[in-house]
Structure formats: structure tokens, C-alpha cells
Amino acid sequence: MLCTLVVSQMLPDAVAIKGGMGIKLRMGERGTRATADLDVSTRDRGASFEEEFRARLAHGWGAVPASTRALRANPEAPDRVAFTGALRLGRVHDPGLARPQYVMHPHRVTLSFLGREWAGLDVEVSDPEIEPRAHSRRSIDGELRPVELIDLEHQIAQKIHAVTDPDFVRAHDLEFRRAQQWPPLPLRPMDDWGVAYDEARQETEVDGSTPVLVDIAAAREWLERVITEIESRAST
């Protein structure tokens, strides 16, 4: 989470954070699922995005007071840059879908603190998949600058598609939702999702409790009711 906060302050403009980290930045660390990478979407990819991202990482973010030695030599010594980063490109890949319309551009950001390598974060940049107004600027906390987060409605739409598309294990609704039949009822079979659901649910527990439904059967029943309600309201 700390790496994500630091990197978010050095992202190029018009980059929207999505996925698990988007939820964490909106809802906080407690009670949200663990996630190891940062998913973003931008309309400016390739060399121009990488050039700007690399420049911002090199410029750095945050300030630390000058060292004691520097202050002895010059009481007016300027602050030091706290965090800087280096960018390494990965191989472009299709994350589970044999569709050329949707590919991921993986990057590895290596962060340094006061010039010493400190941590790393995988940043996955997707091709454009959301409308220009499907994300908004949101304040995080304290002196951190606001960041662009995908709107919650679009993230919910993505998750609904992901669990209802019968043809794919991993679905990316923001790209393909208009191709899916609506309402997606009856729901696809979910019999083999029990273990994964239980593990995900455990990640949301705080002090042994969580608002997440107890098992996949209950969650499936709840989702069916939600979709039915959405459809009934849309029809009136």
C-alpha cells in the first residue's frame, strides 16, 4: 500500500487507477482485499507515456530535511528528495483473453529512498477501456496530491461482468460489457469458486468479522437479486 501511495504521486496526468488498489485508495487498507500490483488505464500509452512516467520517477516525490553534515556546512541547505524511481518495461501480454482488443502493458517500478533501493511495484497499464468521464479526481490524505480513480459505478459494472460472463475465466467488462447480453440470467455456474471466494473473504476480515456474505452460494443468490432489481428499475 505504501509503495502504491508513493507511485501514485508520480503518475502522469490523465492516468486512472483501477482494480484492487483503486478500491484501497477509496476505502482504505482495512477490510479490503490484498493486492500486489497497481492497475491503471490511460489513453496515452507507449513511448509518450513511458517517457513522461520515467521523467516523473527520476524527478522524485517527497522531501526529507538535509542531513546533519549538510546543515553544518550550510544551515540553509535545501531538503532532499525522498523517493525516486526507475522504470523497466515488461513484455506486453493478453491477461487471460485471446482478444487483440485488450492487452496489458506491464511495467516494474523500482523505488529508492534517499538514493538507496527500497521497494518495487508492478504497474500494469491497460489500453483505453473507459470513457473520458468515467473517472474522477479524489483526495487521498494529508499532503498527498489528489489522484484519478475509476468511478465506483464502472468498477462495480466490471465485477458484475466478471462473474457473469459464461465464456471467460477472467473478464474485462470495461472493454466488453456492451457485447454481453443483459440481464445475464440465469447466472453462470459457480460451483468451483468456493475456495477462491473463502480466501478472498478472509482477506476482508477485521478483528474476525466481515460484512462479506458467508459463502459463494449466498453471494450468488445476492447477486441474482441485485441484477433482477437493476433490470426491474431500468424497465420502469
Protein backbone atom coordinates (compact mmCIF):
# COMPACT_ATOMS: atom_id res chain seq x y z
CA MET A 1 0.00 0.00 0.00
CA LEU A 2 2.81 2.43 0.86
CA CYS A 3 4.51 1.77 -2.48
CA THR A 4 1.23 2.49 -4.25
CA LEU A 5 0.80 5.80 -2.46
CA VAL A 6 4.31 6.87 -3.42
CA VAL A 7 3.99 5.82 -7.06
CA SER A 8 0.54 7.43 -7.34
CA GLN A 9 2.17 10.78 -6.67
CA MET A 10 4.43 10.36 -9.72
CA LEU A 11 1.93 9.03 -12.26
CA PRO A 12 1.49 11.05 -15.46
CA ASP A 13 -1.62 13.18 -15.84
CA ALA A 14 -4.90 11.62 -17.03
CA VAL A 15 -4.00 8.18 -15.66
CA ALA A 16 -6.87 6.49 -13.82
CA ILE A 17 -6.16 3.98 -11.06
CA LYS A 18 -8.45 0.96 -11.10
CA GLY A 19 -8.54 -2.59 -9.76
CA GLY A 20 -7.84 -3.52 -6.16
CA MET A 21 -5.64 -0.53 -5.46
CA GLY A 22 -8.38 1.78 -6.69
CA ILE A 23 -10.66 0.29 -4.05
CA LYS A 24 -7.99 0.59 -1.35
CA LEU A 25 -7.33 4.24 -2.14
CA ARG A 26 -11.07 4.89 -1.96
CA MET A 27 -11.99 2.70 1.04
CA GLY A 28 -8.74 2.32 2.98
CA GLU A 29 -6.49 -0.62 3.83
CA ARG A 30 -8.63 -2.29 6.48
CA GLY A 31 -11.40 -4.53 5.24
CA THR A 32 -10.26 -4.64 1.60
CA ARG A 33 -8.63 -7.49 -0.26
CA ALA A 34 -4.87 -7.79 -0.61
CA THR A 35 -3.44 -6.86 -3.99
CA ALA A 36 0.16 -6.81 -5.13
CA ASP A 37 0.15 -4.60 -8.22
CA LEU A 38 -1.18 -1.28 -9.46
CA ASP A 39 -3.63 -1.33 -12.38
CA VAL A 40 -4.09 1.87 -14.34
CA SER A 41 -5.78 2.92 -17.55
CA THR A 42 -4.66 5.72 -19.84
CA ARG A 43 -5.36 6.93 -23.35
CA ASP A 44 -1.74 7.94 -23.83
CA ARG A 45 0.30 4.74 -23.89
CA GLY A 46 3.53 3.58 -25.44
CA ALA A 47 6.63 5.75 -25.74
CA SER A 48 5.00 9.04 -24.73
CA PHE A 49 3.52 7.58 -21.54
CA GLU A 50 6.76 5.81 -20.64
CA GLU A 51 8.85 8.92 -21.28
CA GLU A 52 6.72 11.08 -19.01
CA PHE A 53 6.43 8.40 -16.32
CA ARG A 54 10.19 7.84 -16.36
CA ALA A 55 10.83 11.58 -16.08
CA ARG A 56 8.48 11.94 -13.11
CA LEU A 57 10.04 8.98 -11.34
CA ALA A 58 13.51 10.43 -11.88
CA HIS A 59 12.38 13.84 -10.57
CA GLY A 60 11.00 12.13 -7.49
CA TRP A 61 8.47 12.98 -4.82
CA GLY A 62 8.52 13.95 -1.17
CA ALA A 63 11.05 15.84 0.89
CA VAL A 64 13.39 14.97 3.74
CA PRO A 65 15.42 17.58 5.68
CA ALA A 66 19.05 17.98 4.73
CA SER A 67 21.50 15.73 6.55
CA THR A 68 23.23 16.87 9.73
CA ARG A 69 26.51 17.11 7.83
CA ALA A 70 24.96 19.24 5.11
CA LEU A 71 23.36 21.54 7.69
CA ARG A 72 26.68 22.01 9.45
CA ALA A 73 28.24 23.12 6.20
CA ASN A 74 25.24 25.22 5.22
CA PRO A 75 22.40 25.93 7.67
CA GLU A 76 20.25 26.85 4.66
CA ALA A 77 20.84 23.53 2.90
CA PRO A 78 17.75 22.52 0.92
CA ASP A 79 15.63 19.46 1.65
CA ARG A 80 16.48 16.21 -0.07
CA VAL A 81 14.15 14.38 -2.44
CA ALA A 82 12.70 11.45 -0.53
CA PHE A 83 11.61 8.98 -3.21
CA THR A 84 12.78 8.44 -6.76
CA GLY A 85 12.11 5.59 -9.14
CA ALA A 86 13.32 3.68 -12.16
CA LEU A 87 11.06 2.16 -14.80
CA ARG A 88 11.55 -1.17 -16.54
CA LEU A 89 9.22 -2.42 -19.25
CA GLY A 90 7.82 -5.93 -19.35
CA ARG A 91 6.51 -7.94 -22.25
CA VAL A 92 3.09 -6.88 -23.49
CA HIS A 93 0.64 -9.66 -22.85
CA ASP A 94 -3.02 -10.60 -23.05
CA PRO A 95 -4.15 -11.31 -19.45
CA GLY A 96 -6.19 -14.43 -20.00
CA LEU A 97 -8.14 -13.39 -23.06
CA ALA A 98 -7.45 -14.37 -26.65
CA ARG A 99 -8.67 -11.00 -27.85
CA PRO A 100 -6.40 -8.47 -29.55
CA GLN A 101 -8.58 -5.57 -28.37
CA TYR A 102 -7.33 -5.89 -24.82
CA VAL A 103 -3.70 -6.13 -23.84
CA MET A 104 -1.70 -5.20 -20.77
CA HIS A 105 1.50 -3.20 -20.79
CA PRO A 106 3.41 -4.37 -17.70
CA HIS A 107 6.00 -2.14 -16.03
CA ARG A 108 8.19 -2.62 -12.99
CA VAL A 109 8.88 0.44 -10.85
CA THR A 110 11.87 0.21 -8.53
CA LEU A 111 11.65 2.83 -5.79
CA SER A 112 14.62 4.30 -3.98
CA PHE A 113 14.56 6.22 -0.71
CA LEU A 114 17.30 8.84 -0.41
CA GLY A 115 19.11 7.18 -3.28
CA ARG A 116 19.02 3.65 -1.87
CA GLU A 117 16.88 0.98 -3.46
CA TRP A 118 13.89 0.46 -1.22
CA ALA A 119 11.00 -1.43 -2.85
CA GLY A 120 9.36 -2.39 -6.12
CA LEU A 121 5.86 -2.31 -7.56
CA ASP A 122 4.35 -3.88 -10.68
CA VAL A 123 2.32 -1.33 -12.64
CA GLU A 124 0.03 -2.72 -15.34
CA VAL A 125 -1.17 -0.22 -17.92
CA SER A 126 -4.23 -1.18 -19.94
CA ASP A 127 -5.31 0.02 -23.32
CA PRO A 128 -8.14 2.59 -23.19
CA GLU A 129 -11.21 0.87 -21.77
CA ILE A 130 -13.23 3.58 -20.07
CA GLU A 131 -14.99 6.71 -21.22
CA PRO A 132 -13.19 10.03 -20.65
CA ARG A 133 -15.62 10.92 -17.84
CA ALA A 134 -15.60 7.51 -16.15
CA HIS A 135 -13.04 8.55 -13.58
CA SER A 136 -12.65 11.48 -11.22
CA ARG A 137 -10.02 13.19 -9.15
CA ARG A 138 -10.09 12.19 -5.49
CA SER A 139 -8.19 13.46 -2.47
CA ILE A 140 -6.35 10.79 -0.50
CA ASP A 141 -4.97 12.21 2.71
CA GLY A 142 -2.77 14.90 4.18
CA GLU A 143 -0.26 16.43 1.78
CA LEU A 144 -0.73 13.79 -0.92
CA ARG A 145 -1.97 15.26 -4.18
CA PRO A 146 -5.34 14.01 -5.45
CA VAL A 147 -5.29 11.09 -7.89
CA GLU A 148 -7.62 9.92 -10.65
CA LEU A 149 -9.73 6.92 -9.59
CA ILE A 150 -12.08 4.98 -11.81
CA ASP A 151 -15.65 5.76 -10.75
CA LEU A 152 -17.13 3.20 -8.41
CA GLU A 153 -20.10 2.55 -10.71
CA HIS A 154 -17.78 1.45 -13.51
CA GLN A 155 -15.78 -0.75 -11.17
CA ILE A 156 -18.97 -2.44 -9.96
CA ALA A 157 -20.05 -2.96 -13.58
CA GLN A 158 -16.71 -4.60 -14.27
CA LYS A 159 -17.12 -7.01 -11.36
CA ILE A 160 -20.69 -7.91 -12.33
CA HIS A 161 -19.48 -8.78 -15.81
CA ALA A 162 -16.51 -10.72 -14.48
CA VAL A 163 -18.71 -13.13 -12.54
CA THR A 164 -21.50 -13.44 -15.10
CA ASP A 165 -19.69 -13.84 -18.44
CA PRO A 166 -20.02 -17.58 -19.17
CA ASP A 167 -17.16 -17.73 -21.68
CA PHE A 168 -14.16 -16.41 -19.78
CA VAL A 169 -12.43 -17.11 -16.50
CA ARG A 170 -11.16 -13.54 -16.46
CA ALA A 171 -13.42 -10.95 -18.00
CA HIS A 172 -12.75 -7.25 -18.51
CA ASP A 173 -16.12 -5.59 -18.52
CA LEU A 174 -14.99 -2.05 -19.18
CA GLU A 175 -13.86 -3.19 -22.61
CA PHE A 176 -16.50 -5.78 -23.49
CA ARG A 177 -19.59 -5.08 -21.38
CA ARG A 178 -21.67 -3.86 -24.34
CA ALA A 179 -21.15 -7.23 -26.06
CA GLN A 180 -22.70 -9.14 -23.18
CA GLN A 181 -26.39 -9.99 -23.08
CA TRP A 182 -28.29 -8.18 -20.33
CA PRO A 183 -29.58 -9.26 -17.92
CA PRO A 184 -27.07 -12.14 -17.59
CA LEU A 185 -29.63 -14.54 -16.10
CA PRO A 186 -29.63 -17.34 -15.22
CA LEU A 187 -26.19 -16.85 -13.70
CA ARG A 188 -23.27 -18.97 -14.86
CA PRO A 189 -22.29 -21.97 -12.69
CA MET A 190 -20.02 -21.03 -9.77
CA ASP A 191 -19.61 -24.41 -8.09
CA ASP A 192 -15.81 -24.39 -8.37
CA TRP A 193 -15.39 -20.89 -6.93
CA GLY A 194 -15.90 -21.83 -3.30
CA VAL A 195 -12.26 -21.99 -2.21
CA ALA A 196 -11.29 -18.78 -4.00
CA TYR A 197 -14.30 -17.00 -2.51
CA ASP A 198 -13.45 -18.17 1.01
CA GLU A 199 -9.84 -16.98 0.65
CA ALA A 200 -10.93 -13.60 -0.68
CA ARG A 201 -13.46 -13.25 2.12
CA GLN A 202 -10.80 -13.93 4.76
CA GLU A 203 -8.72 -11.05 3.38
CA THR A 204 -11.54 -8.63 4.23
CA GLU A 205 -11.83 -9.70 7.87
CA VAL A 206 -11.10 -7.12 10.55
CA ASP A 207 -10.93 -8.42 14.12
CA GLY A 208 -12.52 -11.67 12.96
CA SER A 209 -15.57 -10.17 11.28
CA THR A 210 -16.51 -9.03 7.78
CA PRO A 211 -19.67 -7.76 6.05
CA VAL A 212 -18.96 -10.10 3.11
CA LEU A 213 -21.52 -12.90 2.75
CA VAL A 214 -20.58 -16.23 4.29
CA ASP A 215 -20.13 -18.37 1.16
CA ILE A 216 -20.33 -18.44 -2.63
CA ALA A 217 -23.90 -19.78 -2.59
CA ALA A 218 -25.13 -16.82 -0.54
CA ALA A 219 -23.16 -14.40 -2.71
CA ARG A 220 -24.58 -15.91 -5.90
CA GLU A 221 -28.12 -15.62 -4.57
CA TRP A 222 -27.49 -11.99 -3.55
CA LEU A 223 -26.06 -11.11 -6.98
CA GLU A 224 -29.06 -12.62 -8.72
CA ARG A 225 -31.38 -10.44 -6.61
CA VAL A 226 -29.31 -7.34 -7.38
CA ILE A 227 -29.35 -7.95 -11.14
CA THR A 228 -33.09 -8.58 -11.04
CA GLU A 229 -33.63 -5.32 -9.15
CA ILE A 230 -31.42 -3.37 -11.58
CA GLU A 231 -33.37 -4.75 -14.53
CA SER A 232 -36.75 -4.03 -12.94
CA ARG A 233 -35.80 -0.41 -12.24
CA ALA A 234 -34.44 0.03 -15.75
CA SER A 235 -37.72 -1.21 -17.19
CA THR A 236 -39.91 1.24 -15.26
